[in-house]
């Protein structure tokens, strides 16, 4: 089976390409680095020749509200048209748990728009919504730091997932029949936002204080208790936060 991974050079895409090739499939990494640009359309038709499945794990180069919205809408539209022309049988897209529950977060709003374009494209699809990656916790802490060096996290629950587990879930979905719907994936540890971030910072020797602040924003979005965690059934990754932290120290 030929599977084209859009964004195949990134954190998730590179892992996914490796998994699929090790399983005996032909996985192709497609990104601007390999001459494929979903916004301009450059190289897209050629990359999709004989493709059975396309997995889109792209990330927007800018998080400015209009720019990120334009990126995901344009990219999804161009992909949909190219997939119809190429006869692609399954489109898989990586999205975010709670993306439809935080309208004041511009990135989440853009992902909602992307999902709508996918649904209308006419290609059988599965959208995989993941919680935040463990690999991003450090950056999330930096975003939440105030002028005094205190990290302020919103009053909600957090359930991060390891990038390896995201890639494994995407590989399973890519090889299965399309659902024409969404599934949620999350890590095994669910705890208050501040607690998870505190555990991470302590493990890396970062002495910053983490506090819960009901007014703290998550990349512009207001965080409520269940904003960032699955509300119903979800596929749970194998890697706990402690396991990931221990492995990260070794690596």
Protein backbone atom coordinates (compact mmCIF):
# COMPACT_ATOMS: atom_id res chain seq x y z
CA UNK A 1 0.00 0.00 0.00
CA UNK A 2 1.29 3.47 -0.88
CA UNK A 3 0.70 6.02 1.87
CA UNK A 4 1.69 9.65 1.41
CA UNK A 5 2.38 11.50 4.65
CA UNK A 6 1.88 15.24 4.23
CA UNK A 7 4.20 16.85 6.75
CA UNK A 8 6.25 13.68 6.73
CA UNK A 9 9.46 15.40 7.79
CA UNK A 10 8.12 16.68 11.13
CA UNK A 11 7.79 15.38 14.68
CA UNK A 12 4.84 13.06 13.99
CA UNK A 13 5.26 12.56 10.26
CA UNK A 14 8.82 11.24 10.44
CA UNK A 15 7.83 8.69 13.07
CA UNK A 16 4.78 7.65 11.04
CA UNK A 17 6.78 7.16 7.84
CA UNK A 18 9.22 4.91 9.70
CA UNK A 19 6.44 2.80 11.25
CA UNK A 20 4.65 2.30 7.95
CA UNK A 21 7.80 1.40 6.03
CA UNK A 22 8.83 -1.05 8.75
CA UNK A 23 5.39 -2.68 8.36
CA UNK A 24 6.10 -3.30 4.68
CA UNK A 25 4.17 -0.42 3.12
CA UNK A 26 5.48 2.29 0.84
CA UNK A 27 5.34 5.44 2.93
CA UNK A 28 6.38 8.67 1.27
CA UNK A 29 7.28 11.81 3.22
CA UNK A 30 5.82 14.85 1.45
CA UNK A 31 6.62 18.37 2.64
CA UNK A 32 8.13 21.58 1.31
CA UNK A 33 11.48 20.01 2.19
CA UNK A 34 10.79 17.28 -0.40
CA UNK A 35 9.26 19.63 -2.98
CA UNK A 36 5.59 19.24 -2.02
CA UNK A 37 3.67 22.33 -0.96
CA UNK A 38 -0.03 21.93 -0.18
CA UNK A 39 -0.64 25.68 -0.08
CA UNK A 40 0.74 26.45 -3.55
CA UNK A 41 -0.01 22.97 -4.91
CA UNK A 42 3.61 22.50 -6.00
CA UNK A 43 4.50 18.82 -6.41
CA UNK A 44 1.19 17.62 -5.00
CA UNK A 45 -0.22 15.80 -8.03
CA UNK A 46 3.06 13.98 -8.62
CA UNK A 47 3.32 12.91 -4.97
CA UNK A 48 -0.16 11.38 -4.99
CA UNK A 49 0.29 9.19 -8.07
CA UNK A 50 -0.86 5.65 -7.13
CA UNK A 51 -1.45 6.71 -3.52
CA UNK A 52 -3.99 4.62 -1.60
CA UNK A 53 -3.99 6.72 1.57
CA UNK A 54 -2.96 10.27 2.45
CA UNK A 55 -2.18 11.22 6.05
CA UNK A 56 -2.06 14.96 6.76
CA UNK A 57 0.02 15.92 9.80
CA UNK A 58 1.00 19.40 8.64
CA UNK A 59 1.56 22.26 11.03
CA UNK A 60 0.98 25.90 10.13
CA UNK A 61 4.15 28.02 9.79
CA UNK A 62 2.42 30.98 11.46
CA UNK A 63 -0.10 31.08 14.31
CA UNK A 64 -1.33 34.57 13.46
CA UNK A 65 -5.14 34.17 13.34
CA UNK A 66 -5.75 34.93 9.67
CA UNK A 67 -2.56 33.22 8.51
CA UNK A 68 -3.28 29.97 10.31
CA UNK A 69 -6.88 29.94 9.09
CA UNK A 70 -5.77 30.55 5.50
CA UNK A 71 -3.12 27.85 5.75
CA UNK A 72 -5.39 25.04 6.92
CA UNK A 73 -8.30 25.95 4.64
CA UNK A 74 -6.14 26.29 1.53
CA UNK A 75 -4.06 23.22 2.28
CA UNK A 76 -7.14 21.06 2.91
CA UNK A 77 -8.87 22.27 -0.26
CA UNK A 78 -5.83 21.61 -2.43
CA UNK A 79 -5.33 18.20 -0.88
CA UNK A 80 -8.97 17.26 -1.39
CA UNK A 81 -8.92 18.21 -5.07
CA UNK A 82 -5.65 16.38 -5.70
CA UNK A 83 -6.89 13.28 -3.87
CA UNK A 84 -10.09 13.13 -5.90
CA UNK A 85 -8.06 13.42 -9.11
CA UNK A 86 -5.63 10.71 -7.96
CA UNK A 87 -8.33 8.32 -6.72
CA UNK A 88 -7.12 8.29 -3.12
CA UNK A 89 -9.33 5.99 -1.04
CA UNK A 90 -8.72 7.31 2.48
CA UNK A 91 -7.74 10.71 3.85
CA UNK A 92 -6.47 10.77 7.45
CA UNK A 93 -5.94 14.07 9.24
CA UNK A 94 -4.42 14.85 12.61
CA UNK A 95 -6.43 17.37 14.60
CA UNK A 96 -6.82 18.37 18.26
CA UNK A 97 -9.06 17.15 21.07
CA UNK A 98 -11.37 19.99 22.04
CA UNK A 99 -10.69 21.96 18.89
CA UNK A 100 -14.41 22.78 18.66
CA UNK A 101 -14.59 23.82 22.34
CA UNK A 102 -12.20 26.78 22.39
CA UNK A 103 -13.42 29.37 19.86
CA UNK A 104 -11.09 32.08 21.18
CA UNK A 105 -8.02 30.01 20.29
CA UNK A 106 -7.19 30.92 16.68
CA UNK A 107 -5.28 27.70 15.99
CA UNK A 108 -8.19 25.57 17.21
CA UNK A 109 -10.63 27.60 15.10
CA UNK A 110 -8.45 26.99 12.05
CA UNK A 111 -8.48 23.25 12.72
CA UNK A 112 -12.29 23.33 12.86
CA UNK A 113 -12.25 24.97 9.43
CA UNK A 114 -9.84 22.32 8.15
CA UNK A 115 -12.11 19.54 9.39
CA UNK A 116 -15.09 21.13 7.60
CA UNK A 117 -13.18 21.25 4.31
CA UNK A 118 -12.18 17.59 4.70
CA UNK A 119 -15.78 16.58 5.32
CA UNK A 120 -16.90 18.37 2.15
CA UNK A 121 -14.07 17.16 -0.11
CA UNK A 122 -15.70 13.91 -1.21
CA UNK A 123 -12.83 11.63 -0.14
CA UNK A 124 -13.54 8.99 2.56
CA UNK A 125 -11.78 10.20 5.70
CA UNK A 126 -10.90 9.73 9.33
CA UNK A 127 -9.97 12.65 11.58
CA UNK A 128 -7.78 11.76 14.55
CA UNK A 129 -8.03 14.32 17.34
CA UNK A 130 -5.10 14.14 19.75
CA UNK A 131 -4.49 15.80 23.07
CA UNK A 132 -1.36 17.96 23.41
CA UNK A 133 1.95 16.18 22.88
CA UNK A 134 4.25 15.55 25.83
CA UNK A 135 7.04 16.96 23.67
CA UNK A 136 5.31 20.36 23.80
CA UNK A 137 4.95 20.70 27.58
CA UNK A 138 8.11 22.78 27.88
CA UNK A 139 6.87 25.23 25.28
CA UNK A 140 3.46 25.40 26.96
CA UNK A 141 5.19 26.29 30.25
CA UNK A 142 7.16 29.04 28.51
CA UNK A 143 3.97 30.46 27.01
CA UNK A 144 2.32 30.57 30.43
CA UNK A 145 5.19 32.35 32.19
CA UNK A 146 4.46 35.86 33.48
CA UNK A 147 6.92 38.75 33.86
CA UNK A 148 7.90 37.53 37.30
CA UNK A 149 8.88 34.06 36.12
CA UNK A 150 5.81 32.27 37.50
CA UNK A 151 4.12 29.80 35.15
CA UNK A 152 0.35 30.32 35.14
CA UNK A 153 -1.81 27.49 33.86
CA UNK A 154 -5.55 27.54 33.27
CA UNK A 155 -8.06 25.86 35.56
CA UNK A 156 -8.57 22.68 33.57
CA UNK A 157 -7.51 19.08 33.13
CA UNK A 158 -4.61 18.01 30.94
CA UNK A 159 -3.95 14.59 29.37
CA UNK A 160 -0.85 14.78 27.16
CA UNK A 161 0.17 12.01 24.77
CA UNK A 162 3.62 10.96 23.57
CA UNK A 163 4.48 11.62 19.92
CA UNK A 164 5.35 7.95 19.43
CA UNK A 165 1.84 6.97 20.52
CA UNK A 166 0.30 9.54 18.17
CA UNK A 167 2.26 8.07 15.26
CA UNK A 168 1.24 4.52 16.24
CA UNK A 169 -2.43 5.48 16.37
CA UNK A 170 -2.22 7.21 12.99
CA UNK A 171 -0.58 4.13 11.46
CA UNK A 172 -3.44 1.94 12.70
CA UNK A 173 -6.05 4.35 11.34
CA UNK A 174 -4.30 4.69 7.99
CA UNK A 175 -4.43 0.93 7.47
CA UNK A 176 -8.07 0.61 8.53
CA UNK A 177 -11.28 1.51 6.71
CA UNK A 178 -12.29 5.19 6.75
CA UNK A 179 -14.78 6.18 9.43
CA UNK A 180 -16.04 9.41 7.84
CA UNK A 181 -15.87 10.78 11.35
CA UNK A 182 -13.49 11.50 14.21
CA UNK A 183 -11.73 9.57 16.96
CA UNK A 184 -9.95 10.93 20.03
CA UNK A 185 -6.55 9.81 21.29
CA UNK A 186 -4.95 10.78 24.59
CA UNK A 187 -2.25 9.83 27.06
CA UNK A 188 -2.94 7.66 30.13
CA UNK A 189 -2.38 10.42 32.72
CA UNK A 190 -5.15 12.93 33.38
CA UNK A 191 -4.52 15.61 36.01
CA UNK A 192 -4.89 19.37 36.55
CA UNK A 193 -2.94 21.42 34.02
CA UNK A 194 -0.62 22.92 36.67
CA UNK A 195 0.19 19.48 38.12
CA UNK A 196 1.30 18.02 34.79
CA UNK A 197 3.44 21.04 33.95
CA UNK A 198 4.97 21.03 37.46
CA UNK A 199 5.94 17.37 37.09
CA UNK A 200 7.61 18.13 33.78
CA UNK A 201 9.55 21.15 35.06
CA UNK A 202 10.72 19.31 38.18
CA UNK A 203 11.97 16.40 36.06
CA UNK A 204 14.14 18.70 33.93
CA UNK A 205 15.48 20.65 36.89
CA UNK A 206 13.48 23.79 36.20
CA UNK A 207 12.72 25.62 39.46
CA UNK A 208 9.93 27.83 38.16
CA UNK A 209 6.78 27.89 40.25
CA UNK A 210 3.56 26.72 38.56
CA UNK A 211 0.21 28.04 39.75
CA UNK A 212 -3.38 27.59 38.66
CA UNK A 213 -4.86 30.81 37.36
CA UNK A 214 -8.45 30.74 36.17
CA UNK A 215 -7.74 33.72 33.91
CA UNK A 216 -4.64 32.20 32.27
CA UNK A 217 -5.00 31.63 28.53
CA UNK A 218 -3.90 28.69 26.42
CA UNK A 219 -2.57 30.32 23.26
CA UNK A 220 -5.35 32.86 23.50
CA UNK A 221 -8.10 30.46 24.53
CA UNK A 222 -9.89 30.33 27.88
CA UNK A 223 -9.41 26.94 29.55
CA UNK A 224 -12.34 25.32 31.33
CA UNK A 225 -12.19 22.01 33.20
CA UNK A 226 -12.78 19.78 30.16
CA UNK A 227 -11.53 22.02 27.35
CA UNK A 228 -8.47 19.92 26.48
CA UNK A 229 -9.44 16.33 27.34
CA UNK A 230 -11.69 13.76 25.65
CA UNK A 231 -15.33 13.89 26.70
CA UNK A 232 -16.18 10.32 25.70
CA UNK A 233 -14.40 7.24 24.43
CA UNK A 234 -10.78 7.70 23.42
CA UNK A 235 -7.89 5.50 22.40
CA UNK A 236 -5.29 5.73 25.15
CA UNK A 237 -1.57 5.74 24.42
CA UNK A 238 0.79 3.29 26.08
CA UNK A 239 3.35 5.79 27.36
CA UNK A 240 2.77 7.36 30.77
CA UNK A 241 4.18 10.76 31.59
CA UNK A 242 6.72 9.24 33.99
CA UNK A 243 7.85 6.75 31.35
CA UNK A 244 8.22 9.52 28.79
CA UNK A 245 10.16 11.73 31.20
CA UNK A 246 12.52 8.88 32.07
CA UNK A 247 13.07 8.09 28.41
CA UNK A 248 13.58 11.75 27.55
CA UNK A 249 16.41 11.97 30.10
CA UNK A 250 18.12 8.97 28.54
CA UNK A 251 17.76 10.36 25.02
